[in-house]
Amino acid sequence: QGQPVESGGGLVQPGGSLTLSCTVSGSSVSITNWGWYRQAPGKERQWVAHILSDGKTNYHSSVKGRFTMSADNAKATAYLQMNNLKPEDTAMYYCNVDFRLWGQGTQVTVSE
């Protein structure tokens, strides 16, 4: 199973939107758990959202109602749609697969 690769980060103004993607190449094993985490400078890595093997999707309270996570297991890809972004959402966003594999991250910066 390959490593997750995140994409879609960038610079956006407050109130804007971004969609992050996480793709696992060369995956011959079905992925059952996807997670998004983020880490701001000087802070610990924080869980953002996950989709578990039972199909349930859960969100950190700080992003609930603004972020939507989805996954297409046939494409071995997960997404994080982020709306109404705030400066405090600025962080490196990481994908986690099956509680084992981490990507290198994609930077999201929310600023005027």
Protein backbone atom coordinates (compact mmCIF):
# COMPACT_ATOMS: atom_id res chain seq x y z
CA GLN A 1 0.00 0.00 0.00
CA GLY A 2 1.37 3.36 -1.02
CA GLN A 3 1.61 6.49 1.09
CA PRO A 4 -1.23 9.01 1.12
CA VAL A 5 -0.61 12.15 -0.90
CA GLU A 6 -2.53 15.31 -0.03
CA SER A 7 -3.28 18.16 -2.43
CA GLY A 8 -5.52 21.19 -2.75
CA GLY A 9 -4.08 23.49 -0.10
CA GLY A 10 -3.38 27.15 -0.70
CA LEU A 11 -3.96 30.72 0.33
CA VAL A 12 -7.56 31.84 0.70
CA GLN A 13 -9.31 34.85 2.20
CA PRO A 14 -11.52 34.51 5.28
CA GLY A 15 -14.93 33.21 4.23
CA GLY A 16 -13.46 31.38 1.26
CA SER A 17 -13.44 27.70 0.39
CA LEU A 18 -10.93 24.99 -0.45
CA THR A 19 -11.21 21.29 -1.17
CA LEU A 20 -8.40 19.01 -0.06
CA SER A 21 -7.80 15.59 -1.58
CA CYS A 22 -5.93 12.59 -0.27
CA THR A 23 -5.03 9.78 -2.66
CA VAL A 24 -3.31 6.50 -1.90
CA SER A 25 -1.57 5.19 -4.97
CA GLY A 26 -0.85 1.54 -5.56
CA SER A 27 -3.38 0.49 -2.99
CA SER A 28 -4.43 -3.09 -3.43
CA VAL A 29 -6.03 -3.28 -0.02
CA SER A 30 -9.43 -1.78 0.65
CA ILE A 31 -9.18 1.30 2.86
CA THR A 32 -11.75 1.39 5.63
CA ASN A 33 -10.81 4.39 7.76
CA TRP A 34 -9.88 7.88 6.60
CA GLY A 35 -8.90 10.81 8.75
CA TRP A 36 -7.94 14.46 8.36
CA TYR A 37 -5.74 16.18 10.94
CA ARG A 38 -4.11 19.59 11.09
CA GLN A 39 -1.18 21.19 12.85
CA ALA A 40 -0.68 24.90 13.29
CA PRO A 41 2.77 26.32 14.05
CA GLY A 42 3.68 25.77 17.69
CA LYS A 43 0.66 23.57 18.33
CA GLU A 44 0.02 19.86 18.55
CA ARG A 45 -1.56 17.93 15.71
CA GLN A 46 -5.34 18.10 15.98
CA TRP A 47 -7.94 15.70 14.68
CA VAL A 48 -10.34 17.38 12.23
CA ALA A 49 -12.63 14.70 10.82
CA HIS A 50 -12.80 11.02 10.01
CA ILE A 51 -14.82 8.41 8.15
CA LEU A 52 -14.81 5.10 9.92
CA SER A 53 -15.35 1.56 8.70
CA ASP A 54 -18.97 1.70 9.86
CA GLY A 55 -19.58 4.59 7.49
CA LYS A 56 -19.97 7.19 10.21
CA THR A 57 -18.42 10.60 9.68
CA ASN A 58 -17.45 12.72 12.65
CA TYR A 59 -16.09 16.25 12.93
CA HIS A 60 -14.23 18.30 15.48
CA SER A 61 -16.58 20.86 16.98
CA SER A 62 -14.51 23.74 15.57
CA VAL A 63 -15.23 22.67 11.97
CA LYS A 64 -18.66 21.10 12.26
CA GLY A 65 -21.08 22.74 9.86
CA ARG A 66 -18.28 24.24 7.78
CA PHE A 67 -16.25 21.21 6.68
CA THR A 68 -17.53 18.12 4.87
CA MET A 69 -15.54 14.95 4.51
CA SER A 70 -16.17 12.29 1.90
CA ALA A 71 -14.36 9.31 0.44
CA ASP A 72 -14.38 7.33 -2.76
CA ASN A 73 -12.84 3.99 -1.90
CA ALA A 74 -12.93 2.85 -5.52
CA LYS A 75 -10.52 5.71 -6.25
CA ALA A 76 -8.67 5.33 -2.93
CA THR A 77 -9.29 9.03 -2.39
CA ALA A 78 -10.74 11.10 0.43
CA TYR A 79 -11.82 14.73 0.30
CA LEU A 80 -12.27 17.56 2.74
CA GLN A 81 -14.52 20.35 1.53
CA MET A 82 -13.83 23.42 3.66
CA ASN A 83 -16.23 26.36 3.56
CA ASN A 84 -16.36 29.64 5.44
CA LEU A 85 -12.69 29.36 6.28
CA LYS A 86 -11.34 31.33 9.21
CA PRO A 87 -7.81 32.50 10.05
CA GLU A 88 -7.71 29.94 12.85
CA ASP A 89 -8.06 27.18 10.24
CA THR A 90 -4.55 28.03 9.05
CA ALA A 91 -2.45 24.88 9.44
CA MET A 92 -0.74 22.02 7.67
CA TYR A 93 -3.43 19.47 6.90
CA TYR A 94 -2.57 15.79 6.99
CA CYS A 95 -4.38 12.70 5.78
CA ASN A 96 -4.35 9.50 7.78
CA VAL A 97 -5.29 6.09 6.39
CA ASP A 98 -6.46 3.22 8.55
CA PHE A 99 -4.79 4.81 11.60
CA ARG A 100 -1.42 3.78 10.15
CA LEU A 101 -0.27 5.85 7.20
CA TRP A 102 0.36 9.59 7.11
CA GLY A 103 0.80 11.88 4.17
CA GLN A 104 3.30 14.74 3.97
CA GLY A 105 0.60 17.36 4.37
CA THR A 106 -0.77 20.30 2.42
CA GLN A 107 -0.64 23.87 3.70
CA VAL A 108 -3.83 25.87 4.16
CA THR A 109 -3.45 29.57 4.91
CA VAL A 110 -6.46 31.78 5.58
CA SER A 111 -5.52 35.43 5.50
CA GLU A 112 -6.44 38.79 4.03
